[in-house]
Amino acid sequence: MQITDVRIRKIFEEGPMLAVASITFDRMFVVHDVKVIFANDRHFIVMPSRKNSDGSYRDIAHPITAEFRSEVEEAVIAAYRTAKEEAENGASEESLR
């Protein structure tokens, strides 16, 4: 399965949640609401989840293997960094006008 697109839907300026992304696989299947988090001095992703009646959360969709999870995480974090840089550069260019 190939990651064919990663889109950063929203970037947050404050708090541990930095962004929300959507990931497309094989141009045929998309997973929305993947969160980019920064905590404990590192970036990681949190897959979309649902709150259970006991207050715990359960992932709705998630990678099965550690290798694929790492591949997904790397792709989403790279897309976040690119989107963040583009947003910062766009804001800098606007301030020059």
N, C-alpha and C. Protein backbone atom coordinates (compact mmCIF):
# COMPACT_ATOMS: atom_id res chain seq x y z
N MET A 1 0.85 -1.17 0.00
CA MET A 1 0.00 0.00 0.00
C MET A 1 0.90 1.24 0.00
N GLN A 2 0.61 2.16 -0.91
CA GLN A 2 1.41 3.37 -1.04
C GLN A 2 0.64 4.59 -0.54
N ILE A 3 1.35 5.48 0.12
CA ILE A 3 0.76 6.76 0.50
C ILE A 3 0.86 7.64 -0.73
N THR A 4 -0.29 8.03 -1.28
CA THR A 4 -0.28 8.81 -2.50
C THR A 4 -0.57 10.29 -2.28
N ASP A 5 -1.03 10.67 -1.10
CA ASP A 5 -1.26 12.08 -0.81
C ASP A 5 -1.39 12.29 0.69
N VAL A 6 -0.84 13.38 1.17
CA VAL A 6 -1.03 13.80 2.56
C VAL A 6 -1.39 15.28 2.50
N ARG A 7 -2.52 15.63 3.08
CA ARG A 7 -2.96 17.03 3.10
C ARG A 7 -3.11 17.49 4.55
N ILE A 8 -2.50 18.61 4.82
CA ILE A 8 -2.65 19.21 6.14
C ILE A 8 -3.89 20.09 6.07
N ARG A 9 -4.91 19.75 6.84
CA ARG A 9 -6.19 20.44 6.78
C ARG A 9 -6.23 21.69 7.66
N LYS A 10 -5.56 21.64 8.80
CA LYS A 10 -5.57 22.77 9.71
C LYS A 10 -4.30 22.75 10.53
N ILE A 11 -3.73 23.93 10.76
CA ILE A 11 -2.56 24.08 11.61
C ILE A 11 -2.96 24.91 12.82
N PHE A 12 -2.56 24.46 14.00
CA PHE A 12 -2.88 25.16 15.24
C PHE A 12 -1.63 25.87 15.74
N GLU A 13 -1.81 27.04 16.30
CA GLU A 13 -0.68 27.85 16.78
C GLU A 13 -0.31 27.55 18.23
N GLU A 14 -1.25 27.02 19.02
CA GLU A 14 -0.99 26.79 20.43
C GLU A 14 -1.40 25.38 20.83
N GLY A 15 -0.77 24.87 21.88
CA GLY A 15 -1.13 23.56 22.42
C GLY A 15 -0.33 22.45 21.80
N PRO A 16 -0.49 21.26 22.34
CA PRO A 16 0.28 20.11 21.83
C PRO A 16 -0.19 19.61 20.46
N MET A 17 -1.47 19.83 20.12
CA MET A 17 -1.94 19.42 18.80
C MET A 17 -1.54 20.49 17.80
N LEU A 18 -0.70 20.11 16.84
CA LEU A 18 -0.15 21.05 15.88
C LEU A 18 -0.95 21.14 14.60
N ALA A 19 -1.56 20.00 14.19
CA ALA A 19 -2.25 19.99 12.90
C ALA A 19 -3.19 18.80 12.81
N VAL A 20 -4.08 18.90 11.81
CA VAL A 20 -4.97 17.79 11.45
C VAL A 20 -4.74 17.50 9.97
N ALA A 21 -4.59 16.22 9.65
CA ALA A 21 -4.25 15.82 8.28
C ALA A 21 -5.21 14.77 7.74
N SER A 22 -5.17 14.63 6.41
CA SER A 22 -5.85 13.54 5.72
C SER A 22 -4.80 12.80 4.90
N ILE A 23 -4.87 11.48 4.88
CA ILE A 23 -3.90 10.66 4.15
C ILE A 23 -4.66 9.82 3.12
N THR A 24 -4.16 9.82 1.88
CA THR A 24 -4.76 8.99 0.83
C THR A 24 -3.80 7.85 0.52
N PHE A 25 -4.36 6.65 0.39
CA PHE A 25 -3.60 5.45 0.07
C PHE A 25 -4.01 4.94 -1.30
N ASP A 26 -3.03 4.66 -2.14
CA ASP A 26 -3.26 4.09 -3.47
C ASP A 26 -4.29 4.86 -4.29
N ARG A 27 -4.41 6.16 -4.04
CA ARG A 27 -5.38 7.02 -4.74
C ARG A 27 -6.81 6.48 -4.64
N MET A 28 -7.07 5.61 -3.63
CA MET A 28 -8.39 4.99 -3.54
C MET A 28 -9.01 5.02 -2.16
N PHE A 29 -8.23 5.27 -1.13
CA PHE A 29 -8.76 5.19 0.23
C PHE A 29 -8.17 6.33 1.06
N VAL A 30 -9.03 7.07 1.76
CA VAL A 30 -8.55 8.21 2.54
C VAL A 30 -8.90 8.04 4.01
N VAL A 31 -8.00 8.51 4.87
CA VAL A 31 -8.23 8.54 6.31
C VAL A 31 -8.14 10.00 6.74
N HIS A 32 -9.21 10.53 7.29
CA HIS A 32 -9.27 11.91 7.75
C HIS A 32 -8.99 11.98 9.25
N ASP A 33 -8.73 13.18 9.73
CA ASP A 33 -8.60 13.48 11.15
C ASP A 33 -7.41 12.80 11.83
N VAL A 34 -6.30 12.71 11.12
CA VAL A 34 -5.06 12.25 11.72
C VAL A 34 -4.42 13.48 12.37
N LYS A 35 -4.10 13.39 13.64
CA LYS A 35 -3.59 14.54 14.37
C LYS A 35 -2.07 14.48 14.48
N VAL A 36 -1.42 15.65 14.31
CA VAL A 36 0.01 15.79 14.54
C VAL A 36 0.17 16.41 15.92
N ILE A 37 0.91 15.72 16.78
CA ILE A 37 1.09 16.13 18.17
C ILE A 37 2.57 16.36 18.44
N PHE A 38 2.87 17.33 19.31
CA PHE A 38 4.23 17.50 19.81
C PHE A 38 4.15 17.39 21.33
N ALA A 39 4.75 16.36 21.87
CA ALA A 39 4.78 16.14 23.33
C ALA A 39 6.01 15.31 23.66
N ASN A 40 6.50 15.46 24.87
CA ASN A 40 7.69 14.74 25.31
C ASN A 40 8.86 14.93 24.34
N ASP A 41 8.99 16.16 23.85
CA ASP A 41 10.09 16.56 22.97
C ASP A 41 10.15 15.82 21.64
N ARG A 42 8.99 15.38 21.15
CA ARG A 42 8.99 14.73 19.83
C ARG A 42 7.64 14.90 19.14
N HIS A 43 7.66 14.80 17.80
CA HIS A 43 6.45 14.82 17.00
C HIS A 43 5.96 13.38 16.82
N PHE A 44 4.65 13.20 16.84
CA PHE A 44 4.06 11.90 16.51
C PHE A 44 2.65 12.14 16.02
N ILE A 45 2.03 11.09 15.50
CA ILE A 45 0.66 11.22 15.01
C ILE A 45 -0.28 10.40 15.88
N VAL A 46 -1.53 10.82 15.87
CA VAL A 46 -2.60 10.09 16.55
C VAL A 46 -3.67 9.84 15.50
N MET A 47 -4.03 8.58 15.36
CA MET A 47 -5.02 8.20 14.36
C MET A 47 -6.42 8.60 14.83
N PRO A 48 -7.38 8.70 13.90
CA PRO A 48 -8.75 9.06 14.30
C PRO A 48 -9.30 8.03 15.27
N SER A 49 -10.03 8.51 16.26
CA SER A 49 -10.54 7.60 17.28
C SER A 49 -11.96 7.98 17.69
N ARG A 50 -12.57 7.08 18.43
CA ARG A 50 -13.92 7.27 18.95
C ARG A 50 -13.88 7.05 20.45
N LYS A 51 -14.63 7.86 21.18
CA LYS A 51 -14.69 7.72 22.63
C LYS A 51 -15.66 6.61 23.00
N ASN A 52 -15.20 5.68 23.84
CA ASN A 52 -16.04 4.58 24.31
C ASN A 52 -16.89 5.05 25.49
N SER A 53 -17.87 4.25 25.84
CA SER A 53 -18.76 4.61 26.95
C SER A 53 -18.03 4.70 28.29
N ASP A 54 -16.90 4.01 28.42
CA ASP A 54 -16.13 4.07 29.67
C ASP A 54 -15.13 5.23 29.71
N GLY A 55 -15.14 6.07 28.67
CA GLY A 55 -14.27 7.23 28.63
C GLY A 55 -12.95 7.00 27.93
N SER A 56 -12.63 5.76 27.62
CA SER A 56 -11.40 5.47 26.88
C SER A 56 -11.63 5.73 25.39
N TYR A 57 -10.54 5.73 24.63
CA TYR A 57 -10.63 5.96 23.18
C TYR A 57 -10.16 4.73 22.43
N ARG A 58 -10.76 4.52 21.27
CA ARG A 58 -10.38 3.39 20.41
C ARG A 58 -10.17 3.92 18.99
N ASP A 59 -9.02 3.58 18.39
CA ASP A 59 -8.75 4.01 17.02
C ASP A 59 -9.81 3.47 16.06
N ILE A 60 -10.22 4.32 15.14
CA ILE A 60 -11.17 3.91 14.10
C ILE A 60 -10.41 3.22 12.96
N ALA A 61 -9.25 3.77 12.63
CA ALA A 61 -8.38 3.21 11.59
C ALA A 61 -6.95 3.39 12.06
N HIS A 62 -6.11 2.40 11.79
CA HIS A 62 -4.72 2.51 12.22
C HIS A 62 -3.85 1.51 11.48
N PRO A 63 -2.55 1.80 11.36
CA PRO A 63 -1.62 0.85 10.74
C PRO A 63 -1.48 -0.39 11.63
N ILE A 64 -1.30 -1.53 11.01
CA ILE A 64 -1.17 -2.79 11.75
C ILE A 64 0.28 -3.02 12.20
N THR A 65 1.23 -2.72 11.32
CA THR A 65 2.63 -2.99 11.66
C THR A 65 3.36 -1.73 12.10
N ALA A 66 4.41 -1.92 12.88
CA ALA A 66 5.22 -0.79 13.33
C ALA A 66 5.91 -0.13 12.14
N GLU A 67 6.32 -0.91 11.16
CA GLU A 67 6.99 -0.36 9.99
C GLU A 67 6.08 0.57 9.20
N PHE A 68 4.83 0.12 8.98
CA PHE A 68 3.90 0.96 8.23
C PHE A 68 3.49 2.18 9.04
N ARG A 69 3.34 2.01 10.35
CA ARG A 69 3.01 3.16 11.21
C ARG A 69 4.12 4.21 11.10
N SER A 70 5.36 3.77 11.11
CA SER A 70 6.49 4.68 10.98
C SER A 70 6.46 5.39 9.63
N GLU A 71 6.15 4.67 8.57
CA GLU A 71 6.07 5.26 7.23
C GLU A 71 4.97 6.33 7.18
N VAL A 72 3.82 6.02 7.74
CA VAL A 72 2.71 6.97 7.77
C VAL A 72 3.09 8.19 8.61
N GLU A 73 3.66 7.95 9.77
CA GLU A 73 4.05 9.04 10.66
C GLU A 73 5.07 9.97 9.99
N GLU A 74 6.07 9.40 9.35
CA GLU A 74 7.09 10.20 8.67
C GLU A 74 6.48 11.05 7.56
N ALA A 75 5.55 10.47 6.79
CA ALA A 75 4.92 11.21 5.69
C ALA A 75 4.07 12.36 6.21
N VAL A 76 3.31 12.13 7.26
CA VAL A 76 2.43 13.16 7.80
C VAL A 76 3.26 14.27 8.44
N ILE A 77 4.27 13.93 9.20
CA ILE A 77 5.09 14.95 9.86
C ILE A 77 5.86 15.77 8.82
N ALA A 78 6.35 15.13 7.77
CA ALA A 78 7.03 15.86 6.69
C ALA A 78 6.06 16.83 6.02
N ALA A 79 4.83 16.40 5.77
CA ALA A 79 3.82 17.29 5.16
C ALA A 79 3.49 18.44 6.10
N TYR A 80 3.41 18.17 7.40
CA TYR A 80 3.16 19.23 8.37
C TYR A 80 4.28 20.27 8.34
N ARG A 81 5.52 19.81 8.36
CA ARG A 81 6.65 20.74 8.37
C ARG A 81 6.66 21.60 7.11
N THR A 82 6.36 21.00 5.96
CA THR A 82 6.29 21.75 4.71
C THR A 82 5.18 22.78 4.76
N ALA A 83 3.99 22.38 5.22
CA ALA A 83 2.85 23.30 5.30
C ALA A 83 3.13 24.44 6.28
N LYS A 84 3.76 24.12 7.39
CA LYS A 84 4.09 25.13 8.39
C LYS A 84 5.09 26.14 7.81
N GLU A 85 6.10 25.63 7.12
CA GLU A 85 7.10 26.50 6.51
C GLU A 85 6.47 27.40 5.44
N GLU A 86 5.60 26.82 4.62
CA GLU A 86 4.91 27.61 3.59
C GLU A 86 4.04 28.68 4.22
N ALA A 87 3.36 28.35 5.30
CA ALA A 87 2.50 29.33 5.99
C ALA A 87 3.36 30.45 6.57
N GLU A 88 4.48 30.10 7.16
CA GLU A 88 5.37 31.12 7.74
C GLU A 88 5.98 32.00 6.66
N ASN A 89 6.38 31.40 5.54
CA ASN A 89 6.95 32.18 4.44
C ASN A 89 5.90 33.07 3.81
N GLY A 90 4.69 32.59 3.70
CA GLY A 90 3.60 33.41 3.16
C GLY A 90 3.31 34.60 4.05
N ALA A 91 3.33 34.37 5.36
CA ALA A 91 3.09 35.47 6.31
C ALA A 91 4.24 36.47 6.24
N SER A 92 5.47 35.99 6.09
CA SER A 92 6.63 36.87 6.00
C SER A 92 6.57 37.71 4.72
N GLU A 93 6.18 37.10 3.62
CA GLU A 93 6.08 37.83 2.34
C GLU A 93 5.00 38.89 2.43
N GLU A 94 3.88 38.60 3.09
CA GLU A 94 2.82 39.57 3.23
C GLU A 94 3.26 40.77 4.07
N SER A 95 4.07 40.52 5.09
CA SER A 95 4.52 41.62 5.94
C SER A 95 5.50 42.53 5.22
N LEU A 96 6.12 42.05 4.14
CA LEU A 96 7.04 42.87 3.36
C LEU A 96 6.30 43.83 2.43
N ARG A 97 5.04 43.59 2.19
CA ARG A 97 4.28 44.44 1.27
C ARG A 97 3.87 45.73 1.91
